[in-house]
Amino acid sequence: MQLVVARIGRAHGIKGEVTVEVRTDEPELRLGPGAVLATDPPAAGPLTIATGRVHSGRLLLRFEGVRDRTAAEALRNALLIAEVDPQELPEDPDEYYDHQLMDLDVVLTDGTPIGRVTEISHLPSQDLFIVERPDGSEVMIPFVEQIVTEIDLEEQRAVVDPPPGLLDERDALVASAREAAAGEAAAREAAAGEGAPADRAEGDGDADGAAR
C-alpha cells in the first residue's frame, strides 16, 4: 500500500537541501537516510534520502543526486510516497497512521454528522483533521484527545466534542433548532386564533447543549 509521507517545499541553501511538510507520525522511520521513496509526479523520482536534519523546527532533506539549489527547486511540491504494509500498526495503541484516519465520518457526541476526513495536516505543534462538510466547505479540527474523544475504526468514525466557536455549524444547528421552534409556535398561534400567546423555545443560548 502506498502512503504519502511528505510534500517537498522550497529549496534551502545551495547544496540541494529541501524543506518538507511531514505527513507521517513516524518521520524517523519513513524519512530517514537510506529510505527510497516514490513520488507524485512519478517523473520526479524515485528519490533516495541521503541526509536529514531539523532546522528552525522544519525537517530538511537532501536526496542522492540532488546537489544544488536548481535541482532541489525542481522538486518543489512533489509528494513523497512510501510503500507500507496495510496490516502494519503503530506500536502505541493511541497512535494511528494517516491511511487509517482518512475518510472517517466525523460526528458530534450526539451523533450529529459534521463531515468526512479528507486530509491529515501535521503541524509542529499538533496534527489537524481537514474535514469536508456535506456542502463542500472545510473545517480544521485539532487531533487532540480533549476534542477528538473517540476513534472507532470498525465503525469508520471519529467522535468530536469541539469547544464553542470551533465549528460554525454548531451555531447553525442551534439557529436551525430555534427557527423550527419559532415555526411551530407560529403554527400553534395561528391555530389557536390571533392574539394567542406564543410558547418560548427552551434551551436558548446554550450552544454546547446541541452537542451533548
N, C-alpha and C. Protein backbone atom coordinates (compact mmCIF):
# COMPACT_ATOMS: atom_id res chain seq x y z
N MET A 1 0.84 -1.19 0.00
CA MET A 1 0.00 0.00 0.00
C MET A 1 0.88 1.25 0.00
N GLN A 2 0.54 2.22 -0.84
CA GLN A 2 1.32 3.45 -0.92
C GLN A 2 0.73 4.52 -0.01
N LEU A 3 1.62 5.21 0.71
CA LEU A 3 1.20 6.20 1.69
C LEU A 3 2.02 7.47 1.50
N VAL A 4 1.34 8.62 1.35
CA VAL A 4 2.03 9.89 1.24
C VAL A 4 2.62 10.24 2.60
N VAL A 5 3.93 10.45 2.66
CA VAL A 5 4.58 10.72 3.94
C VAL A 5 5.12 12.15 4.03
N ALA A 6 5.19 12.86 2.91
CA ALA A 6 5.69 14.24 2.96
C ALA A 6 5.44 14.93 1.63
N ARG A 7 5.48 16.26 1.68
CA ARG A 7 5.46 17.07 0.45
C ARG A 7 6.70 17.95 0.47
N ILE A 8 7.39 17.98 -0.64
CA ILE A 8 8.62 18.77 -0.74
C ILE A 8 8.29 20.24 -0.88
N GLY A 9 8.98 21.06 -0.08
CA GLY A 9 8.78 22.51 -0.14
C GLY A 9 9.90 23.19 -0.91
N ARG A 10 10.26 24.37 -0.47
CA ARG A 10 11.26 25.15 -1.18
C ARG A 10 12.67 24.64 -0.91
N ALA A 11 13.58 25.01 -1.81
CA ALA A 11 14.99 24.68 -1.62
C ALA A 11 15.54 25.46 -0.43
N HIS A 12 16.53 24.85 0.25
CA HIS A 12 17.17 25.51 1.40
C HIS A 12 18.66 25.52 1.15
N GLY A 13 19.23 26.71 1.05
CA GLY A 13 20.65 26.81 0.79
C GLY A 13 21.00 26.47 -0.65
N ILE A 14 22.28 26.17 -0.87
CA ILE A 14 22.76 25.97 -2.25
C ILE A 14 23.28 24.55 -2.48
N LYS A 15 23.13 23.67 -1.49
CA LYS A 15 23.71 22.33 -1.62
C LYS A 15 22.69 21.23 -1.87
N GLY A 16 21.47 21.61 -2.25
CA GLY A 16 20.48 20.61 -2.64
C GLY A 16 19.49 20.22 -1.57
N GLU A 17 19.54 20.85 -0.40
CA GLU A 17 18.57 20.53 0.64
C GLU A 17 17.21 21.14 0.31
N VAL A 18 16.15 20.50 0.81
CA VAL A 18 14.78 21.00 0.65
C VAL A 18 14.06 20.93 1.98
N THR A 19 13.13 21.84 2.19
CA THR A 19 12.22 21.72 3.32
C THR A 19 11.13 20.72 2.94
N VAL A 20 10.57 20.06 3.94
CA VAL A 20 9.48 19.13 3.66
C VAL A 20 8.35 19.34 4.65
N GLU A 21 7.14 19.19 4.16
CA GLU A 21 5.94 19.19 5.00
C GLU A 21 5.65 17.74 5.35
N VAL A 22 5.89 17.38 6.60
CA VAL A 22 5.77 15.98 7.03
C VAL A 22 4.31 15.58 7.12
N ARG A 23 4.00 14.41 6.59
CA ARG A 23 2.63 13.90 6.64
C ARG A 23 2.60 12.48 7.22
N THR A 24 3.48 12.21 8.15
CA THR A 24 3.52 10.93 8.82
C THR A 24 3.84 11.15 10.28
N ASP A 25 3.33 10.28 11.15
CA ASP A 25 3.63 10.35 12.57
C ASP A 25 4.98 9.73 12.89
N GLU A 26 5.61 9.09 11.90
CA GLU A 26 6.88 8.41 12.13
C GLU A 26 7.94 8.88 11.14
N PRO A 27 8.28 10.16 11.16
CA PRO A 27 9.26 10.66 10.20
C PRO A 27 10.62 10.00 10.34
N GLU A 28 10.99 9.61 11.58
CA GLU A 28 12.29 8.97 11.78
C GLU A 28 12.36 7.62 11.08
N LEU A 29 11.21 6.99 10.86
CA LEU A 29 11.15 5.70 10.18
C LEU A 29 10.97 5.87 8.68
N ARG A 30 10.03 6.73 8.28
CA ARG A 30 9.69 6.88 6.87
C ARG A 30 10.63 7.81 6.11
N LEU A 31 11.26 8.75 6.84
CA LEU A 31 12.04 9.78 6.17
C LEU A 31 13.49 9.78 6.64
N GLY A 32 13.98 8.62 7.04
CA GLY A 32 15.36 8.52 7.48
C GLY A 32 16.32 8.31 6.33
N PRO A 33 17.61 8.57 6.53
CA PRO A 33 18.61 8.34 5.49
C PRO A 33 18.55 6.91 4.96
N GLY A 34 18.62 6.78 3.64
CA GLY A 34 18.55 5.47 3.00
C GLY A 34 17.17 5.09 2.52
N ALA A 35 16.14 5.78 2.99
CA ALA A 35 14.78 5.47 2.55
C ALA A 35 14.61 5.80 1.07
N VAL A 36 13.99 4.91 0.34
CA VAL A 36 13.72 5.11 -1.08
C VAL A 36 12.22 5.37 -1.25
N LEU A 37 11.89 6.50 -1.83
CA LEU A 37 10.50 6.93 -1.90
C LEU A 37 10.08 7.18 -3.35
N ALA A 38 8.87 6.73 -3.65
CA ALA A 38 8.28 7.09 -4.93
C ALA A 38 7.79 8.53 -4.85
N THR A 39 7.40 9.10 -5.97
CA THR A 39 6.97 10.49 -5.99
C THR A 39 5.72 10.67 -6.83
N ASP A 40 5.06 11.77 -6.57
CA ASP A 40 3.96 12.22 -7.41
C ASP A 40 4.22 13.70 -7.70
N PRO A 41 4.58 14.04 -8.95
CA PRO A 41 4.55 13.22 -10.16
C PRO A 41 5.65 12.16 -10.20
N PRO A 42 5.35 11.02 -10.84
CA PRO A 42 6.31 9.91 -10.87
C PRO A 42 7.65 10.28 -11.48
N ALA A 43 7.67 11.21 -12.44
CA ALA A 43 8.91 11.56 -13.13
C ALA A 43 9.94 12.17 -12.20
N ALA A 44 9.52 12.67 -11.04
CA ALA A 44 10.45 13.30 -10.11
C ALA A 44 11.27 12.28 -9.33
N GLY A 45 10.86 11.02 -9.32
CA GLY A 45 11.54 10.02 -8.50
C GLY A 45 11.83 8.76 -9.28
N PRO A 46 12.17 7.68 -8.55
CA PRO A 46 12.21 7.61 -7.09
C PRO A 46 13.38 8.39 -6.51
N LEU A 47 13.25 8.77 -5.23
CA LEU A 47 14.28 9.55 -4.55
C LEU A 47 14.79 8.79 -3.33
N THR A 48 16.09 8.80 -3.17
CA THR A 48 16.71 8.16 -2.01
C THR A 48 17.21 9.26 -1.07
N ILE A 49 16.80 9.20 0.18
CA ILE A 49 17.20 10.22 1.15
C ILE A 49 18.66 10.01 1.54
N ALA A 50 19.47 11.06 1.35
CA ALA A 50 20.88 11.00 1.72
C ALA A 50 21.10 11.49 3.15
N THR A 51 20.51 12.62 3.49
CA THR A 51 20.65 13.17 4.83
C THR A 51 19.35 13.84 5.25
N GLY A 52 19.19 13.99 6.56
CA GLY A 52 18.05 14.71 7.10
C GLY A 52 18.43 15.41 8.38
N ARG A 53 17.88 16.60 8.61
CA ARG A 53 18.15 17.33 9.84
C ARG A 53 17.01 18.30 10.10
N VAL A 54 16.88 18.73 11.34
CA VAL A 54 15.85 19.69 11.71
C VAL A 54 16.50 21.06 11.84
N HIS A 55 15.88 22.05 11.20
CA HIS A 55 16.39 23.42 11.23
C HIS A 55 15.22 24.37 11.45
N SER A 56 15.26 25.12 12.57
CA SER A 56 14.20 26.07 12.90
C SER A 56 12.82 25.41 12.91
N GLY A 57 12.77 24.19 13.42
CA GLY A 57 11.50 23.48 13.54
C GLY A 57 11.03 22.81 12.27
N ARG A 58 11.80 22.90 11.19
CA ARG A 58 11.42 22.27 9.93
C ARG A 58 12.39 21.15 9.59
N LEU A 59 11.88 20.09 9.01
CA LEU A 59 12.73 18.99 8.57
C LEU A 59 13.33 19.34 7.21
N LEU A 60 14.65 19.20 7.11
CA LEU A 60 15.36 19.42 5.85
C LEU A 60 15.89 18.08 5.35
N LEU A 61 15.68 17.79 4.09
CA LEU A 61 16.19 16.55 3.49
C LEU A 61 17.09 16.89 2.31
N ARG A 62 18.04 16.00 2.08
CA ARG A 62 18.83 16.06 0.85
C ARG A 62 18.78 14.69 0.21
N PHE A 63 18.55 14.66 -1.09
CA PHE A 63 18.40 13.39 -1.82
C PHE A 63 19.66 13.09 -2.62
N GLU A 64 19.94 11.81 -2.77
CA GLU A 64 21.08 11.40 -3.59
C GLU A 64 20.90 11.92 -5.02
N GLY A 65 21.96 12.49 -5.56
CA GLY A 65 21.92 13.00 -6.92
C GLY A 65 21.41 14.42 -7.05
N VAL A 66 20.90 15.00 -5.96
CA VAL A 66 20.42 16.39 -5.96
C VAL A 66 21.48 17.21 -5.25
N ARG A 67 22.28 17.95 -6.02
CA ARG A 67 23.50 18.55 -5.47
C ARG A 67 23.47 20.07 -5.42
N ASP A 68 22.47 20.70 -6.01
CA ASP A 68 22.47 22.17 -5.99
C ASP A 68 21.05 22.69 -5.84
N ARG A 69 20.96 24.00 -5.68
CA ARG A 69 19.67 24.64 -5.44
C ARG A 69 18.71 24.48 -6.62
N THR A 70 19.24 24.54 -7.83
CA THR A 70 18.39 24.42 -9.01
C THR A 70 17.71 23.06 -9.06
N ALA A 71 18.47 22.00 -8.81
CA ALA A 71 17.90 20.65 -8.82
C ALA A 71 16.90 20.47 -7.68
N ALA A 72 17.20 21.08 -6.52
CA ALA A 72 16.29 20.98 -5.38
C ALA A 72 14.99 21.71 -5.66
N GLU A 73 15.08 22.90 -6.25
CA GLU A 73 13.88 23.69 -6.53
C GLU A 73 12.98 22.99 -7.55
N ALA A 74 13.57 22.18 -8.43
CA ALA A 74 12.78 21.45 -9.43
C ALA A 74 11.88 20.40 -8.79
N LEU A 75 12.17 20.02 -7.55
CA LEU A 75 11.37 19.01 -6.85
C LEU A 75 10.22 19.62 -6.05
N ARG A 76 10.14 20.92 -6.05
CA ARG A 76 9.16 21.60 -5.19
C ARG A 76 7.73 21.13 -5.48
N ASN A 77 6.99 20.88 -4.41
CA ASN A 77 5.59 20.44 -4.41
C ASN A 77 5.40 18.97 -4.76
N ALA A 78 6.48 18.24 -5.03
CA ALA A 78 6.33 16.80 -5.28
C ALA A 78 5.98 16.09 -3.97
N LEU A 79 5.14 15.08 -4.05
CA LEU A 79 4.78 14.27 -2.89
C LEU A 79 5.73 13.09 -2.76
N LEU A 80 6.12 12.77 -1.53
CA LEU A 80 6.96 11.61 -1.26
C LEU A 80 6.08 10.48 -0.77
N ILE A 81 6.23 9.31 -1.39
CA ILE A 81 5.32 8.19 -1.15
C ILE A 81 6.10 6.96 -0.71
N ALA A 82 5.69 6.39 0.42
CA ALA A 82 6.32 5.18 0.96
C ALA A 82 5.41 3.98 0.71
N GLU A 83 6.05 2.83 0.55
CA GLU A 83 5.30 1.57 0.43
C GLU A 83 5.12 1.01 1.83
N VAL A 84 3.87 0.84 2.27
CA VAL A 84 3.57 0.43 3.64
C VAL A 84 2.67 -0.79 3.62
N ASP A 85 2.96 -1.74 4.49
CA ASP A 85 2.10 -2.91 4.67
C ASP A 85 0.77 -2.43 5.27
N PRO A 86 -0.36 -2.65 4.60
CA PRO A 86 -1.64 -2.15 5.13
C PRO A 86 -2.02 -2.76 6.47
N GLN A 87 -1.42 -3.90 6.85
CA GLN A 87 -1.72 -4.53 8.13
C GLN A 87 -0.83 -4.01 9.25
N GLU A 88 0.15 -3.20 8.89
CA GLU A 88 1.08 -2.68 9.89
C GLU A 88 0.40 -1.63 10.75
N LEU A 89 0.63 -1.70 12.06
CA LEU A 89 0.02 -0.77 13.00
C LEU A 89 1.11 -0.12 13.86
N PRO A 90 0.88 1.12 14.31
CA PRO A 90 1.85 1.74 15.22
C PRO A 90 1.97 0.96 16.51
N GLU A 91 3.13 1.08 17.17
CA GLU A 91 3.33 0.38 18.43
C GLU A 91 2.43 0.95 19.52
N ASP A 92 2.23 2.25 19.54
CA ASP A 92 1.38 2.90 20.54
C ASP A 92 -0.08 2.74 20.13
N PRO A 93 -0.94 2.13 20.97
CA PRO A 93 -2.35 1.93 20.59
C PRO A 93 -3.13 3.22 20.42
N ASP A 94 -2.59 4.34 20.95
CA ASP A 94 -3.26 5.63 20.80
C ASP A 94 -2.79 6.39 19.57
N GLU A 95 -1.93 5.79 18.75
CA GLU A 95 -1.48 6.42 17.53
C GLU A 95 -2.08 5.72 16.32
N TYR A 96 -2.17 6.47 15.23
CA TYR A 96 -2.77 5.94 14.02
C TYR A 96 -1.98 6.40 12.81
N TYR A 97 -1.94 5.57 11.80
CA TYR A 97 -1.37 6.00 10.54
C TYR A 97 -2.41 6.83 9.80
N ASP A 98 -1.91 7.72 8.95
CA ASP A 98 -2.82 8.60 8.22
C ASP A 98 -3.86 7.82 7.43
N HIS A 99 -3.44 6.71 6.81
CA HIS A 99 -4.39 5.97 5.96
C HIS A 99 -5.52 5.35 6.77
N GLN A 100 -5.30 5.15 8.09
CA GLN A 100 -6.37 4.63 8.93
C GLN A 100 -7.43 5.70 9.22
N LEU A 101 -7.01 6.95 9.22
CA LEU A 101 -7.90 8.05 9.58
C LEU A 101 -8.60 8.68 8.38
N MET A 102 -8.03 8.48 7.20
CA MET A 102 -8.64 9.08 6.01
C MET A 102 -10.04 8.51 5.77
N ASP A 103 -10.95 9.39 5.40
CA ASP A 103 -12.33 9.03 5.04
C ASP A 103 -13.20 8.64 6.25
N LEU A 104 -12.69 8.83 7.48
CA LEU A 104 -13.55 8.58 8.63
C LEU A 104 -14.70 9.59 8.64
N ASP A 105 -15.89 9.12 9.02
CA ASP A 105 -17.01 10.02 9.23
C ASP A 105 -16.82 10.74 10.56
N VAL A 106 -16.98 12.06 10.57
CA VAL A 106 -16.82 12.84 11.78
C VAL A 106 -18.19 13.24 12.30
N VAL A 107 -18.46 12.91 13.57
CA VAL A 107 -19.76 13.21 14.16
C VAL A 107 -19.55 13.85 15.53
N LEU A 108 -20.56 14.61 15.97
CA LEU A 108 -20.55 15.13 17.34
C LEU A 108 -20.90 14.01 18.31
N THR A 109 -20.77 14.29 19.60
CA THR A 109 -21.03 13.26 20.60
C THR A 109 -22.49 12.80 20.61
N ASP A 110 -23.40 13.62 20.06
CA ASP A 110 -24.80 13.21 19.99
C ASP A 110 -25.14 12.55 18.66
N GLY A 111 -24.11 12.31 17.84
CA GLY A 111 -24.32 11.64 16.56
C GLY A 111 -24.54 12.57 15.39
N THR A 112 -24.61 13.88 15.62
CA THR A 112 -24.81 14.83 14.52
C THR A 112 -23.63 14.77 13.57
N PRO A 113 -23.88 14.52 12.27
CA PRO A 113 -22.76 14.42 11.32
C PRO A 113 -22.13 15.78 11.04
N ILE A 114 -20.81 15.79 10.96
CA ILE A 114 -20.06 17.00 10.63
C ILE A 114 -19.48 16.92 9.22
N GLY A 115 -18.92 15.77 8.87
CA GLY A 115 -18.32 15.63 7.54
C GLY A 115 -17.42 14.41 7.49
N ARG A 116 -16.40 14.50 6.64
CA ARG A 116 -15.52 13.36 6.36
C ARG A 116 -14.07 13.83 6.36
N VAL A 117 -13.18 13.06 6.98
CA VAL A 117 -11.77 13.41 7.00
C VAL A 117 -11.18 13.22 5.60
N THR A 118 -10.65 14.29 5.03
CA THR A 118 -10.06 14.21 3.69
C THR A 118 -8.55 14.39 3.70
N GLU A 119 -8.00 14.87 4.82
CA GLU A 119 -6.56 15.09 4.90
C GLU A 119 -6.14 15.19 6.35
N ILE A 120 -4.90 14.76 6.63
CA ILE A 120 -4.30 14.93 7.94
C ILE A 120 -3.15 15.91 7.77
N SER A 121 -3.19 17.01 8.48
CA SER A 121 -2.13 18.01 8.39
C SER A 121 -1.25 17.91 9.62
N HIS A 122 0.03 17.67 9.41
CA HIS A 122 0.98 17.51 10.52
C HIS A 122 1.71 18.83 10.73
N LEU A 123 1.35 19.53 11.79
CA LEU A 123 2.00 20.79 12.15
C LEU A 123 3.01 20.55 13.27
N PRO A 124 3.95 21.47 13.46
CA PRO A 124 4.93 21.28 14.54
C PRO A 124 4.28 21.13 15.92
N SER A 125 3.18 21.84 16.15
CA SER A 125 2.55 21.83 17.48
C SER A 125 1.53 20.71 17.65
N GLN A 126 0.84 20.33 16.58
CA GLN A 126 -0.19 19.31 16.68
C GLN A 126 -0.61 18.88 15.28
N ASP A 127 -1.40 17.80 15.23
CA ASP A 127 -1.97 17.34 13.97
C ASP A 127 -3.38 17.89 13.83
N LEU A 128 -3.82 18.04 12.60
CA LEU A 128 -5.16 18.55 12.32
C LEU A 128 -5.90 17.61 11.39
N PHE A 129 -7.19 17.40 11.67
CA PHE A 129 -8.08 16.77 10.70
C PHE A 129 -8.59 17.86 9.76
N ILE A 130 -8.47 17.65 8.47
CA ILE A 130 -9.14 18.51 7.50
C ILE A 130 -10.43 17.79 7.13
N VAL A 131 -11.55 18.38 7.51
CA VAL A 131 -12.86 17.71 7.37
C VAL A 131 -13.68 18.43 6.32
N GLU A 132 -14.14 17.66 5.34
CA GLU A 132 -15.02 18.21 4.30
C GLU A 132 -16.47 18.03 4.72
N ARG A 133 -17.20 19.13 4.75
CA ARG A 133 -18.62 19.09 5.12
C ARG A 133 -19.47 18.70 3.91
N PRO A 134 -20.71 18.34 4.14
CA PRO A 134 -21.58 17.95 3.03
C PRO A 134 -21.75 19.03 1.97
N ASP A 135 -21.63 20.31 2.35
CA ASP A 135 -21.78 21.38 1.38
C ASP A 135 -20.49 21.69 0.64
N GLY A 136 -19.43 20.92 0.90
CA GLY A 136 -18.16 21.12 0.20
C GLY A 136 -17.18 22.02 0.93
N SER A 137 -17.60 22.72 1.97
CA SER A 137 -16.69 23.56 2.74
C SER A 137 -15.83 22.69 3.65
N GLU A 138 -14.75 23.26 4.18
CA GLU A 138 -13.83 22.51 5.02
C GLU A 138 -13.69 23.15 6.39
N VAL A 139 -13.41 22.32 7.39
CA VAL A 139 -13.15 22.80 8.73
C VAL A 139 -11.94 22.03 9.27
N MET A 140 -11.10 22.70 10.07
CA MET A 140 -9.93 22.06 10.66
C MET A 140 -10.20 21.75 12.13
N ILE A 141 -9.96 20.50 12.50
CA ILE A 141 -10.20 20.04 13.86
C ILE A 141 -8.90 19.51 14.45
N PRO A 142 -8.41 20.11 15.55
CA PRO A 142 -7.19 19.60 16.18
C PRO A 142 -7.36 18.15 16.63
N PHE A 143 -6.37 17.33 16.29
CA PHE A 143 -6.43 15.92 16.67
C PHE A 143 -5.81 15.77 18.05
N VAL A 144 -6.57 16.20 19.07
CA VAL A 144 -6.18 16.08 20.47
C VAL A 144 -7.32 15.38 21.21
N GLU A 145 -6.97 14.67 22.28
CA GLU A 145 -7.97 13.83 22.94
C GLU A 145 -9.09 14.64 23.60
N GLN A 146 -8.82 15.91 23.94
CA GLN A 146 -9.88 16.73 24.53
C GLN A 146 -10.98 17.04 23.52
N ILE A 147 -10.65 17.01 22.23
CA ILE A 147 -11.63 17.33 21.18
C ILE A 147 -12.06 16.08 20.42
N VAL A 148 -11.10 15.28 19.98
CA VAL A 148 -11.44 14.02 19.31
C VAL A 148 -11.51 12.95 20.40
N THR A 149 -12.71 12.68 20.86
CA THR A 149 -12.88 11.84 22.04
C THR A 149 -12.86 10.35 21.73
N GLU A 150 -13.09 9.99 20.47
CA GLU A 150 -13.12 8.55 20.13
C GLU A 150 -12.78 8.35 18.67
N ILE A 151 -11.97 7.34 18.40
CA ILE A 151 -11.71 6.87 17.05
C ILE A 151 -12.18 5.43 16.98
N ASP A 152 -13.18 5.16 16.18
CA ASP A 152 -13.74 3.82 16.03
C ASP A 152 -13.46 3.35 14.61
N LEU A 153 -12.38 2.58 14.44
CA LEU A 153 -12.01 2.14 13.09
C LEU A 153 -13.00 1.12 12.54
N GLU A 154 -13.61 0.33 13.41
CA GLU A 154 -14.59 -0.65 12.92
C GLU A 154 -15.81 0.04 12.34
N GLU A 155 -16.27 1.09 13.02
CA GLU A 155 -17.43 1.83 12.54
C GLU A 155 -17.04 2.95 11.58
N GLN A 156 -15.72 3.13 11.39
CA GLN A 156 -15.19 4.16 10.49
C GLN A 156 -15.72 5.55 10.84
N ARG A 157 -15.54 5.93 12.10
CA ARG A 157 -15.99 7.25 12.51
C ARG A 157 -15.09 7.83 13.60
N ALA A 158 -15.07 9.15 13.65
CA ALA A 158 -14.37 9.88 14.70
C ALA A 158 -15.40 10.73 15.41
N VAL A 159 -15.44 10.62 16.74
CA VAL A 159 -16.39 11.38 17.55
C VAL A 159 -15.66 12.60 18.10
N VAL A 160 -16.25 13.78 17.92
CA VAL A 160 -15.60 15.01 18.37
C VAL A 160 -16.52 15.78 19.32
N ASP A 161 -15.89 16.46 20.27
CA ASP A 161 -16.60 17.33 21.20
C ASP A 161 -15.89 18.68 21.19
N PRO A 162 -16.12 19.48 20.15
CA PRO A 162 -15.37 20.73 19.97
C PRO A 162 -15.82 21.82 20.92
N PRO A 163 -14.91 22.70 21.29
CA PRO A 163 -15.30 23.85 22.13
C PRO A 163 -16.15 24.82 21.32
N PRO A 164 -16.95 25.65 21.99
CA PRO A 164 -17.79 26.62 21.27
C PRO A 164 -16.94 27.49 20.34
N GLY A 165 -17.44 27.64 19.12
CA GLY A 165 -16.77 28.50 18.16
C GLY A 165 -15.85 27.78 17.20
N LEU A 166 -15.44 26.54 17.54
CA LEU A 166 -14.55 25.82 16.64
C LEU A 166 -15.26 25.43 15.36
N LEU A 167 -16.50 25.02 15.50
CA LEU A 167 -17.30 24.64 14.34
C LEU A 167 -18.43 25.63 14.16
N ASP A 168 -18.42 26.35 13.08
CA ASP A 168 -19.52 27.29 12.80
C ASP A 168 -20.84 26.55 12.73
N GLU A 169 -20.79 25.29 12.31
CA GLU A 169 -22.02 24.52 12.12
C GLU A 169 -22.77 24.33 13.43
N ARG A 170 -22.03 24.34 14.57
CA ARG A 170 -22.72 24.20 15.86
C ARG A 170 -23.70 25.35 16.05
N ASP A 171 -23.25 26.57 15.70
CA ASP A 171 -24.15 27.71 15.80
C ASP A 171 -25.31 27.56 14.83
N ALA A 172 -24.98 27.01 13.63
CA ALA A 172 -26.04 26.84 12.64
C ALA A 172 -27.08 25.84 13.12
N LEU A 173 -26.62 24.79 13.83
CA LEU A 173 -27.55 23.79 14.34
C LEU A 173 -28.49 24.40 15.37
N VAL A 174 -27.93 25.23 16.26
CA VAL A 174 -28.75 25.88 17.27
C VAL A 174 -29.74 26.83 16.61
N ALA A 175 -29.25 27.58 15.61
CA ALA A 175 -30.13 28.52 14.92
C ALA A 175 -31.26 27.79 14.22
N SER A 176 -30.94 26.64 13.62
CA SER A 176 -31.98 25.86 12.94
C SER A 176 -33.03 25.38 13.94
N ALA A 177 -32.56 24.95 15.12
CA ALA A 177 -33.50 24.48 16.15
C ALA A 177 -34.41 25.61 16.59
N ARG A 178 -33.84 26.81 16.74
CA ARG A 178 -34.65 27.95 17.15
C ARG A 178 -35.67 28.30 16.08
N GLU A 179 -35.25 28.27 14.81
CA GLU A 179 -36.18 28.58 13.73
C GLU A 179 -37.32 27.57 13.69
N ALA A 180 -36.96 26.28 13.89
CA ALA A 180 -38.00 25.25 13.88
C ALA A 180 -38.99 25.48 15.02
N ALA A 181 -38.45 25.82 16.22
CA ALA A 181 -39.32 26.06 17.37
C ALA A 181 -40.21 27.26 17.14
N ALA A 182 -39.63 28.30 16.53
CA ALA A 182 -40.41 29.50 16.25
C ALA A 182 -41.52 29.21 15.25
N GLY A 183 -41.20 28.35 14.26
CA GLY A 183 -42.21 27.99 13.27
C GLY A 183 -43.35 27.21 13.89
N GLU A 184 -43.01 26.29 14.79
CA GLU A 184 -44.05 25.52 15.47
C GLU A 184 -44.92 26.42 16.32
N ALA A 185 -44.28 27.39 17.01
CA ALA A 185 -45.03 28.31 17.86
C ALA A 185 -45.99 29.15 17.02
N ALA A 186 -45.51 29.60 15.86
CA ALA A 186 -46.36 30.39 14.98
C ALA A 186 -47.54 29.58 14.49
N ALA A 187 -47.31 28.30 14.20
CA ALA A 187 -48.40 27.44 13.73
C ALA A 187 -49.44 27.24 14.82
N ARG A 188 -48.95 27.05 16.08
CA ARG A 188 -49.90 26.88 17.18
C ARG A 188 -50.70 28.16 17.41
N GLU A 189 -50.03 29.32 17.26
CA GLU A 189 -50.72 30.59 17.46
C GLU A 189 -51.80 30.79 16.41
N ALA A 190 -51.45 30.41 15.17
CA ALA A 190 -52.43 30.56 14.10
C ALA A 190 -53.63 29.66 14.33
N ALA A 191 -53.37 28.45 14.84
CA ALA A 191 -54.45 27.51 15.07
C ALA A 191 -55.34 27.96 16.23
N ALA A 192 -54.73 28.57 17.23
CA ALA A 192 -55.49 28.98 18.41
C ALA A 192 -56.24 30.29 18.20
N GLY A 193 -55.87 31.01 17.17
CA GLY A 193 -56.53 32.28 16.91
C GLY A 193 -55.59 33.43 17.13
N GLU A 194 -55.82 34.51 16.44
CA GLU A 194 -54.94 35.67 16.51
C GLU A 194 -54.93 36.22 17.93
N GLY A 195 -53.73 36.60 18.40
CA GLY A 195 -53.58 37.19 19.72
C GLY A 195 -53.22 36.18 20.79
N ALA A 196 -53.26 34.86 20.48
CA ALA A 196 -52.89 33.86 21.48
C ALA A 196 -51.40 33.94 21.74
N PRO A 197 -50.94 33.75 23.01
CA PRO A 197 -49.51 33.85 23.32
C PRO A 197 -48.73 32.70 22.69
N ALA A 198 -47.50 33.03 22.24
CA ALA A 198 -46.62 32.02 21.64
C ALA A 198 -45.72 31.43 22.69
N ASP A 199 -45.44 30.12 22.59
CA ASP A 199 -44.52 29.48 23.52
C ASP A 199 -43.09 29.91 23.19
N ARG A 200 -42.29 30.14 24.24
CA ARG A 200 -40.88 30.49 24.03
C ARG A 200 -40.08 29.21 23.89
N ALA A 201 -39.17 29.15 22.89
CA ALA A 201 -38.33 27.98 22.69
C ALA A 201 -37.39 27.82 23.86
N GLU A 202 -37.32 26.64 24.45
CA GLU A 202 -36.45 26.39 25.60
C GLU A 202 -35.04 26.07 25.14
N GLY A 203 -34.08 26.35 26.04
CA GLY A 203 -32.69 25.99 25.75
C GLY A 203 -31.96 27.03 24.94
N ASP A 204 -32.53 28.25 24.79
CA ASP A 204 -31.86 29.29 24.01
C ASP A 204 -30.52 29.63 24.63
N GLY A 205 -29.55 29.86 23.78
CA GLY A 205 -28.27 30.39 24.21
C GLY A 205 -27.24 29.37 24.64
N ASP A 206 -27.57 28.10 24.75
CA ASP A 206 -26.58 27.11 25.17
C ASP A 206 -26.15 26.30 23.97
N ALA A 207 -25.14 26.79 23.28
CA ALA A 207 -24.67 26.10 22.07
C ALA A 207 -24.13 24.72 22.40
N ASP A 208 -23.50 24.56 23.58
CA ASP A 208 -22.94 23.26 23.93
C ASP A 208 -24.02 22.20 24.04
N GLY A 209 -25.22 22.60 24.38
CA GLY A 209 -26.29 21.62 24.54
C GLY A 209 -26.61 20.88 23.27
N ALA A 210 -26.30 21.49 22.12
CA ALA A 210 -26.58 20.85 20.84
C ALA A 210 -25.65 19.68 20.60
N ALA A 211 -24.54 19.62 21.33
CA ALA A 211 -23.56 18.59 21.05
C ALA A 211 -23.42 17.58 22.18
N ARG A 212 -24.25 17.62 23.12
CA ARG A 212 -24.12 16.70 24.27
C ARG A 212 -25.36 15.85 24.45
